[in-house]
Amino acid sequence: MLDFDELKQLTKEGLVDPIEVSTNDLMDTDLSTLPEGISLLILESYFPETLIWRKADSLIAEITEHIYTKYWQHKYHARVFADAMARAVKRLRHENHPFSDVNIDSDDDIHMFIRWKLSLPITTSTLKIIASINAAFDLVWERANLILENSDSVLILGKDTGDGLEKLRRIASRLEDLGYYPYVIKEQPDRIGESTIQKVLRFALSSKFIVVENSESSGHLYEIPHVTKMAECVTIVLQQEGQGATWMFEDAYAKYKHWKKFTYTTNMFEAELKKAVQWAENFIQEFGQFQKDTLPWLE
């Protein structure tokens, strides 16, 4: 059992900070009495490196994955996997897991440290704290693998000049915050011998879903029939209230399940985009389950 009064004194004297402990030490300690100003560091085999401290009525556990590239044997490059872990934390946070403040610390190409925070109520039992840290690490690791195995890129189409391009970049920035790999088609390199539609289809067919900003007319009106109707890509149509590029697709929203229009106001843009992304994720999951239940070769 840890003596917090003694440890607090040692911390004040600058003799120990943070204090290295084991999971066994924690099992015998009531962490609800952990004073602010004391940090506990867990460094042991088969458990994620974790720094724990108190902040008001919460326990903060900062989890670290250390990738030593000299001994890295995963099929994906270390930097690629580190980026995927960071995106996984963002995606899981968007799904209401208590994660925050993910960052990658890398001073060289040999050592990479991916850190993120897990927040738990101060009243959480020690046994549950240890289990939650383990579960959080496994969840991020597994989601990173899924992100790399299954495309988590998003193609963004719409007016790509002037203010329109800035709007597309704003969408890309918000999708980046949610852990996706966004692509504004205009900003992707062209290939000699490849037509515009071929380029759009190349990105569309490798994307998890497509976002079309449809407030103003542009070349996307020519692209939609190819990517959404012909290629059957899951498509989000974003449209500012009181605006719209065309009425020609209005009946299609009712006819086809795999694309849907979301109308936003200036103040509600981010909230509506998050709502749209959640719809796309839910549709993909539900359609995938339908395929498993229906198609014998997917059983």
Protein backbone atom coordinates (compact mmCIF):
# COMPACT_ATOMS: atom_id res chain seq x y z
CA MET A 1 0.00 0.00 0.00
CA LEU A 2 1.28 3.45 -0.91
CA ASP A 3 1.70 6.02 1.84
CA PHE A 4 0.55 9.23 0.13
CA ASP A 5 1.60 11.47 3.03
CA GLU A 6 5.17 10.17 2.80
CA LEU A 7 5.19 10.40 -0.98
CA LYS A 8 3.81 13.93 -0.88
CA GLN A 9 6.67 14.97 1.37
CA LEU A 10 9.24 13.34 -0.93
CA THR A 11 7.69 15.12 -3.89
CA LYS A 12 7.87 18.48 -2.09
CA GLU A 13 11.52 17.87 -1.35
CA GLY A 14 12.14 17.09 -5.01
CA LEU A 15 13.45 13.62 -4.26
CA VAL A 16 10.90 11.64 -6.25
CA ASP A 17 8.76 12.80 -9.18
CA PRO A 18 7.11 10.90 -10.69
CA ILE A 19 6.91 7.96 -8.29
CA GLU A 20 7.47 4.59 -9.93
CA VAL A 21 4.97 1.99 -8.76
CA SER A 22 3.77 -1.46 -9.82
CA THR A 23 0.26 -2.65 -10.51
CA ASN A 24 0.53 -4.70 -7.31
CA ASP A 25 1.24 -1.49 -5.38
CA LEU A 26 -1.90 0.03 -6.83
CA MET A 27 -4.06 -2.99 -6.04
CA ASP A 28 -3.54 -2.34 -2.32
CA THR A 29 -4.10 1.42 -2.61
CA ASP A 30 -7.26 3.51 -2.66
CA LEU A 31 -6.55 5.94 -5.50
CA SER A 32 -9.57 8.06 -4.60
CA THR A 33 -7.31 9.52 -1.88
CA LEU A 34 -4.49 10.36 -4.30
CA PRO A 35 -3.50 13.99 -3.60
CA GLU A 36 -3.05 16.45 -6.44
CA GLY A 37 0.60 17.09 -7.21
CA ILE A 38 1.67 13.43 -7.04
CA SER A 39 2.26 11.46 -10.23
CA LEU A 40 2.48 7.67 -10.28
CA LEU A 41 4.44 5.96 -13.06
CA ILE A 42 3.85 2.32 -14.02
CA LEU A 43 6.79 0.75 -15.84
CA GLU A 44 6.52 -2.99 -16.02
CA SER A 45 6.37 -5.78 -18.59
CA TYR A 46 3.05 -6.69 -20.16
CA PHE A 47 1.37 -3.48 -19.05
CA PRO A 48 1.23 -0.16 -20.92
CA GLU A 49 3.59 2.54 -19.67
CA THR A 50 1.23 4.83 -17.76
CA LEU A 51 1.49 8.06 -15.77
CA ILE A 52 -1.39 8.62 -13.32
CA TRP A 53 -2.35 11.79 -11.49
CA ARG A 54 -5.40 13.46 -10.02
CA LYS A 55 -7.17 16.46 -11.51
CA ALA A 56 -10.10 17.68 -9.42
CA ASP A 57 -12.61 14.80 -9.36
CA SER A 58 -10.90 12.78 -12.10
CA LEU A 59 -7.98 10.43 -12.41
CA ILE A 60 -5.91 11.05 -15.52
CA ALA A 61 -3.95 8.13 -16.95
CA GLU A 62 -1.53 9.13 -19.70
CA ILE A 63 -0.80 5.99 -21.70
CA THR A 64 2.36 5.71 -23.80
CA GLU A 65 3.21 3.33 -26.60
CA HIS A 66 6.94 3.32 -27.29
CA ILE A 67 7.81 2.13 -30.81
CA TYR A 68 11.49 1.23 -31.09
CA THR A 69 11.91 1.05 -34.85
CA LYS A 70 15.08 -1.04 -34.65
CA TYR A 71 12.99 -3.97 -33.41
CA TRP A 72 9.67 -3.07 -35.07
CA GLN A 73 8.23 -6.12 -36.85
CA HIS A 74 4.71 -5.02 -37.74
CA LYS A 75 3.84 -5.26 -41.45
CA TYR A 76 3.18 -1.49 -41.56
CA HIS A 77 5.98 1.05 -41.29
CA ALA A 78 6.45 2.35 -37.74
CA ARG A 79 5.59 5.96 -38.62
CA VAL A 80 2.49 4.84 -40.54
CA PHE A 81 1.31 2.81 -37.57
CA ALA A 82 2.05 5.63 -35.12
CA ASP A 83 -0.09 7.99 -37.23
CA ALA A 84 -2.83 5.36 -37.32
CA MET A 85 -2.76 5.08 -33.51
CA ALA A 86 -3.16 8.85 -33.22
CA ARG A 87 -6.10 8.74 -35.62
CA ALA A 88 -7.57 5.81 -33.70
CA VAL A 89 -7.60 7.88 -30.48
CA LYS A 90 -9.41 10.70 -32.30
CA ARG A 91 -11.95 8.30 -33.78
CA LEU A 92 -12.59 6.64 -30.43
CA ARG A 93 -12.92 10.00 -28.70
CA HIS A 94 -15.56 10.92 -31.29
CA GLU A 95 -17.33 7.68 -30.31
CA ASN A 96 -17.48 8.98 -26.71
CA HIS A 97 -14.56 7.06 -25.24
CA PRO A 98 -12.90 9.18 -22.49
CA PHE A 99 -9.69 9.85 -24.47
CA SER A 100 -7.97 13.16 -25.18
CA ASP A 101 -4.71 14.96 -26.02
CA VAL A 102 -3.09 12.46 -28.35
CA ASN A 103 0.37 13.33 -29.61
CA ILE A 104 3.37 11.71 -31.25
CA ASP A 105 6.79 12.54 -29.83
CA SER A 106 9.69 11.61 -32.09
CA ASP A 107 13.08 13.30 -32.01
CA ASP A 108 14.56 10.82 -34.46
CA ASP A 109 13.59 7.91 -36.70
CA ILE A 110 14.45 5.31 -34.04
CA HIS A 111 12.15 6.06 -31.10
CA MET A 112 8.49 7.11 -31.36
CA PHE A 113 6.22 7.77 -28.39
CA ILE A 114 2.45 7.89 -28.91
CA ARG A 115 0.72 9.34 -25.86
CA TRP A 116 -2.93 9.89 -25.03
CA LYS A 117 -4.98 10.50 -21.90
CA LEU A 118 -7.70 8.37 -20.37
CA SER A 119 -9.99 10.14 -17.87
CA LEU A 120 -11.77 8.20 -15.13
CA PRO A 121 -13.91 9.30 -12.15
CA ILE A 122 -11.91 9.59 -8.93
CA THR A 123 -14.21 7.00 -7.37
CA THR A 124 -13.23 4.29 -9.89
CA SER A 125 -11.97 1.17 -8.14
CA THR A 126 -8.28 0.33 -8.51
CA LEU A 127 -9.10 -2.97 -10.17
CA LYS A 128 -11.24 -1.18 -12.77
CA ILE A 129 -8.55 1.48 -13.32
CA ILE A 130 -5.98 -1.19 -14.19
CA ALA A 131 -8.47 -3.00 -16.42
CA SER A 132 -9.45 0.27 -18.13
CA ILE A 133 -5.84 1.15 -18.94
CA ASN A 134 -5.29 -2.28 -20.46
CA ALA A 135 -8.55 -2.06 -22.41
CA ALA A 136 -7.77 1.47 -23.65
CA PHE A 137 -4.37 0.38 -24.98
CA ASP A 138 -5.81 -2.70 -26.71
CA LEU A 139 -8.69 -0.70 -28.17
CA VAL A 140 -6.39 1.91 -29.73
CA TRP A 141 -4.00 -0.74 -31.06
CA GLU A 142 -6.82 -2.76 -32.63
CA ARG A 143 -8.49 0.32 -34.13
CA ALA A 144 -5.17 1.43 -35.64
CA ASN A 145 -4.89 -1.94 -37.37
CA LEU A 146 -8.47 -1.64 -38.65
CA ILE A 147 -7.80 1.87 -39.96
CA LEU A 148 -4.86 0.56 -41.98
CA GLU A 149 -6.54 -2.67 -43.11
CA ASN A 150 -9.76 -0.95 -44.17
CA SER A 151 -9.68 2.40 -45.90
CA ASP A 152 -10.50 5.30 -43.60
CA SER A 153 -9.95 7.92 -46.26
CA VAL A 154 -12.68 10.36 -47.28
CA LEU A 155 -12.96 12.06 -50.67
CA ILE A 156 -14.24 15.66 -50.62
CA LEU A 157 -15.91 17.14 -53.69
CA GLY A 158 -17.50 20.52 -54.40
CA LYS A 159 -16.67 23.96 -55.69
CA ASP A 160 -12.88 24.15 -55.45
CA THR A 161 -12.15 27.79 -56.26
CA GLY A 162 -12.17 30.90 -54.06
CA ASP A 163 -14.34 30.64 -50.96
CA GLY A 164 -15.53 27.23 -52.12
CA LEU A 165 -12.04 25.78 -51.81
CA GLU A 166 -11.68 27.22 -48.31
CA LYS A 167 -14.95 25.52 -47.38
CA LEU A 168 -13.64 22.18 -48.65
CA ARG A 169 -10.43 22.66 -46.67
CA ARG A 170 -12.51 23.41 -43.58
CA ILE A 171 -14.37 20.12 -44.07
CA ALA A 172 -11.02 18.35 -44.51
CA SER A 173 -9.70 19.89 -41.30
CA ARG A 174 -12.72 18.74 -39.29
CA LEU A 175 -12.49 15.23 -40.75
CA GLU A 176 -8.80 15.19 -39.85
CA ASP A 177 -9.78 16.04 -36.25
CA LEU A 178 -12.14 13.05 -36.31
CA GLY A 179 -9.31 10.75 -37.33
CA TYR A 180 -9.93 10.34 -41.07
CA TYR A 181 -7.61 10.77 -44.06
CA PRO A 182 -9.39 13.50 -46.08
CA TYR A 183 -8.63 14.26 -49.72
CA VAL A 184 -9.73 17.39 -51.57
CA ILE A 185 -9.61 16.12 -55.14
CA LYS A 186 -8.20 19.34 -56.62
CA GLU A 187 -5.18 19.16 -54.31
CA GLN A 188 -4.24 15.62 -55.36
CA PRO A 189 -1.64 15.18 -58.12
CA ASP A 190 -2.82 14.40 -61.64
CA ARG A 191 -1.57 11.47 -63.70
CA ILE A 192 -0.71 11.87 -67.35
CA GLY A 193 -3.17 9.88 -69.43
CA GLU A 194 -5.83 9.81 -66.70
CA SER A 195 -9.08 11.71 -67.25
CA THR A 196 -10.69 13.83 -64.54
CA ILE A 197 -13.40 11.23 -63.92
CA GLN A 198 -10.83 8.44 -63.74
CA LYS A 199 -8.94 10.44 -61.11
CA VAL A 200 -12.11 11.07 -59.08
CA LEU A 201 -13.11 7.39 -59.30
CA ARG A 202 -9.63 6.28 -58.23
CA PHE A 203 -9.97 8.22 -54.99
CA ALA A 204 -13.70 7.52 -54.58
CA LEU A 205 -13.35 3.75 -54.79
CA SER A 206 -10.57 3.72 -52.21
CA SER A 207 -12.49 5.95 -49.76
CA LYS A 208 -14.74 4.85 -46.93
CA PHE A 209 -17.29 7.47 -47.95
CA ILE A 210 -17.55 10.74 -49.90
CA VAL A 211 -18.48 14.23 -48.76
CA VAL A 212 -19.97 16.58 -51.39
CA GLU A 213 -20.34 20.27 -50.56
CA ASN A 214 -23.39 21.09 -52.68
CA SER A 215 -24.17 24.71 -51.82
CA GLU A 216 -22.92 26.05 -55.16
CA SER A 217 -22.76 24.67 -58.69
CA SER A 218 -19.44 23.22 -59.83
CA GLY A 219 -17.91 20.20 -61.54
CA HIS A 220 -19.16 17.94 -58.75
CA LEU A 221 -22.54 17.87 -60.52
CA TYR A 222 -20.84 15.91 -63.29
CA GLU A 223 -18.94 13.73 -60.81
CA ILE A 224 -21.88 12.66 -58.62
CA PRO A 225 -23.54 10.37 -61.21
CA HIS A 226 -20.25 8.51 -61.59
CA VAL A 227 -19.19 8.13 -57.95
CA THR A 228 -22.55 7.95 -56.19
CA LYS A 229 -24.86 6.37 -58.74
CA MET A 230 -22.61 4.23 -60.90
CA ALA A 231 -19.91 3.34 -58.31
CA GLU A 232 -22.47 3.26 -55.44
CA CYS A 233 -20.15 5.05 -53.01
CA VAL A 234 -21.67 6.05 -49.67
CA THR A 235 -22.12 9.81 -50.06
CA ILE A 236 -22.80 12.69 -47.68
CA VAL A 237 -24.24 15.79 -49.34
CA LEU A 238 -23.67 18.95 -47.30
CA GLN A 239 -25.72 21.99 -48.25
CA GLN A 240 -25.93 25.40 -46.62
CA GLU A 241 -29.44 26.40 -45.60
CA GLY A 242 -31.14 28.47 -48.32
CA GLN A 243 -28.60 27.44 -50.96
CA GLY A 244 -28.15 24.53 -53.33
CA ALA A 245 -26.46 23.67 -56.61
CA THR A 246 -29.43 21.89 -58.21
CA TRP A 247 -32.83 20.31 -57.60
CA MET A 248 -31.99 17.39 -59.88
CA PHE A 249 -30.87 15.08 -57.07
CA GLU A 250 -33.64 15.81 -54.56
CA ASP A 251 -35.74 12.76 -55.38
CA ALA A 252 -32.62 10.54 -55.35
CA TYR A 253 -32.17 11.09 -51.62
CA ALA A 254 -35.46 9.27 -51.08
CA LYS A 255 -34.81 6.63 -53.75
CA TYR A 256 -31.32 5.54 -52.71
CA LYS A 257 -30.26 4.64 -49.18
CA HIS A 258 -26.50 5.10 -49.64
CA TRP A 259 -26.52 8.90 -49.94
CA LYS A 260 -28.15 11.55 -47.84
CA LYS A 261 -28.38 15.33 -47.68
CA PHE A 262 -27.56 17.30 -44.53
CA THR A 263 -28.45 20.99 -44.34
CA TYR A 264 -26.38 23.26 -42.12
CA THR A 265 -26.30 26.84 -40.90
CA THR A 266 -23.05 28.71 -40.38
CA ASN A 267 -23.20 28.21 -36.61
CA MET A 268 -24.13 24.52 -36.84
CA PHE A 269 -21.67 23.43 -39.53
CA GLU A 270 -19.44 21.27 -37.32
CA ALA A 271 -22.35 19.65 -35.50
CA GLU A 272 -24.07 18.78 -38.77
CA LEU A 273 -20.86 17.38 -40.24
CA LYS A 274 -20.39 15.13 -37.19
CA LYS A 275 -24.02 14.02 -37.53
CA ALA A 276 -23.43 13.24 -41.20
CA VAL A 277 -20.26 11.27 -40.48
CA GLN A 278 -22.10 9.23 -37.86
CA TRP A 279 -24.83 8.46 -40.38
CA ALA A 280 -22.22 7.25 -42.90
CA GLU A 281 -20.51 5.05 -40.31
CA ASN A 282 -23.84 3.58 -39.19
CA PHE A 283 -24.94 2.92 -42.76
CA ILE A 284 -21.68 1.15 -43.61
CA GLN A 285 -21.91 -0.99 -40.48
CA GLU A 286 -25.56 -1.88 -41.02
CA PHE A 287 -25.05 -2.68 -44.71
CA GLY A 288 -22.05 -4.84 -43.85
CA GLN A 289 -24.11 -6.75 -41.30
CA PHE A 290 -26.89 -7.21 -43.88
CA GLN A 291 -24.36 -8.70 -46.31
CA LYS A 292 -23.07 -11.12 -43.66
CA ASP A 293 -26.60 -12.19 -42.79
CA THR A 294 -27.73 -12.54 -46.42
CA LEU A 295 -24.84 -13.59 -48.66
CA PRO A 296 -23.75 -17.20 -48.09
CA TRP A 297 -20.16 -16.62 -49.19
CA LEU A 298 -19.72 -14.02 -46.42
CA GLU A 299 -20.85 -16.30 -43.60
